[in-house]
């Protein structure tokens, strides 16, 4: 969880460990009031750092194809685009 200098909640990141050397950024979110202030970069950096310190050698992040700000933030940290995924949904 991240808070700004005023102690206001800014966002959170949820890393997930699949095995001893493989993990993922399962969820990342920045509150609407705190967006466009660079918190996503801080959250990604810290989440990635913690996973690497825990022995993760392969770290993935799956995002919506329309989430261009997060895509850019991931690329700035060195994440590389590998493939796309098709998800089918049925609204009931």
Protein backbone atom coordinates (compact mmCIF):
# COMPACT_ATOMS: atom_id res chain seq x y z
CA UNK A 1 0.00 0.00 0.00
CA UNK A 2 1.21 3.51 -0.73
CA UNK A 3 0.43 6.82 0.90
CA UNK A 4 1.38 10.32 -0.19
CA UNK A 5 3.27 12.81 1.97
CA UNK A 6 -0.02 13.96 3.55
CA UNK A 7 -0.82 10.41 4.65
CA UNK A 8 -3.58 9.98 2.05
CA UNK A 9 -3.99 6.56 0.47
CA UNK A 10 -2.49 6.66 -3.02
CA UNK A 11 -2.67 3.06 -4.23
CA UNK A 12 -1.52 -0.51 -3.85
CA UNK A 13 0.23 -3.33 -5.61
CA UNK A 14 -0.34 -7.05 -5.14
CA UNK A 15 2.57 -9.22 -6.25
CA UNK A 16 1.97 -12.96 -6.54
CA UNK A 17 4.52 -15.75 -6.34
CA UNK A 18 3.78 -18.78 -8.57
CA UNK A 19 6.91 -20.77 -7.80
CA UNK A 20 10.36 -20.21 -6.31
CA UNK A 21 11.48 -18.21 -9.37
CA UNK A 22 8.30 -17.12 -11.19
CA UNK A 23 5.80 -14.48 -10.18
CA UNK A 24 3.47 -11.76 -11.37
CA UNK A 25 2.15 -8.35 -10.63
CA UNK A 26 -1.36 -9.56 -9.88
CA UNK A 27 -2.96 -6.16 -9.30
CA UNK A 28 -1.92 -2.53 -9.24
CA UNK A 29 -4.16 0.42 -8.62
CA UNK A 30 -3.80 4.13 -7.99
CA UNK A 31 -6.77 6.03 -6.58
CA UNK A 32 -8.36 8.44 -9.06
CA UNK A 33 -7.39 11.49 -6.98
CA UNK A 34 -3.71 10.42 -7.02
CA UNK A 35 -3.35 9.49 -10.70
CA UNK A 36 -0.84 11.21 -12.98
CA UNK A 37 1.48 11.93 -10.03
CA UNK A 38 3.95 9.10 -10.67
CA UNK A 39 2.70 6.72 -7.99
CA UNK A 40 2.27 3.91 -10.49
CA UNK A 41 6.02 4.01 -11.15
CA UNK A 42 6.82 3.88 -7.43
CA UNK A 43 4.40 1.01 -6.86
CA UNK A 44 5.75 -1.01 -9.79
CA UNK A 45 9.35 -0.39 -8.74
CA UNK A 46 8.73 -1.46 -5.16
CA UNK A 47 6.60 -4.49 -6.10
CA UNK A 48 9.18 -5.64 -8.63
CA UNK A 49 12.05 -5.05 -6.19
CA UNK A 50 10.38 -7.11 -3.48
CA UNK A 51 9.77 -9.99 -5.86
CA UNK A 52 13.36 -9.94 -7.12
CA UNK A 53 14.68 -9.89 -3.54
CA UNK A 54 12.51 -12.97 -2.89
CA UNK A 55 14.26 -14.89 -5.69
CA UNK A 56 11.87 -14.25 -8.56
CA UNK A 57 13.70 -14.41 -11.90
CA UNK A 58 10.68 -14.29 -14.22
CA UNK A 59 8.14 -11.60 -13.43
CA UNK A 60 5.07 -10.99 -15.59
CA UNK A 61 2.30 -8.42 -15.61
CA UNK A 62 -0.86 -8.86 -17.64
CA UNK A 63 -2.81 -5.71 -18.39
CA UNK A 64 -5.77 -4.58 -20.43
CA UNK A 65 -4.78 -3.66 -24.00
CA UNK A 66 -6.39 -0.25 -23.46
CA UNK A 67 -4.32 0.55 -20.35
CA UNK A 68 -1.65 2.58 -22.11
CA UNK A 69 -0.41 4.48 -19.01
CA UNK A 70 0.37 1.21 -17.21
CA UNK A 71 1.92 -0.26 -20.35
CA UNK A 72 4.25 2.76 -20.56
CA UNK A 73 5.14 2.51 -16.87
CA UNK A 74 5.97 -1.19 -17.21
CA UNK A 75 8.11 -0.55 -20.28
CA UNK A 76 10.04 2.18 -18.42
CA UNK A 77 10.97 -0.43 -15.80
CA UNK A 78 12.24 -2.83 -18.47
CA UNK A 79 9.21 -5.08 -18.91
CA UNK A 80 8.97 -6.27 -22.50
CA UNK A 81 5.89 -7.07 -24.55
CA UNK A 82 5.79 -10.82 -25.22
CA UNK A 83 2.32 -11.71 -26.48
CA UNK A 84 -1.34 -10.82 -26.39
CA UNK A 85 -4.16 -12.83 -24.95
CA UNK A 86 -7.77 -13.07 -26.03
CA UNK A 87 -10.31 -13.19 -23.24
CA UNK A 88 -13.91 -14.06 -24.00
CA UNK A 89 -16.66 -12.93 -21.65
CA UNK A 90 -20.36 -13.62 -21.31
CA UNK A 91 -22.36 -11.03 -19.41
CA UNK A 92 -25.30 -12.70 -17.67
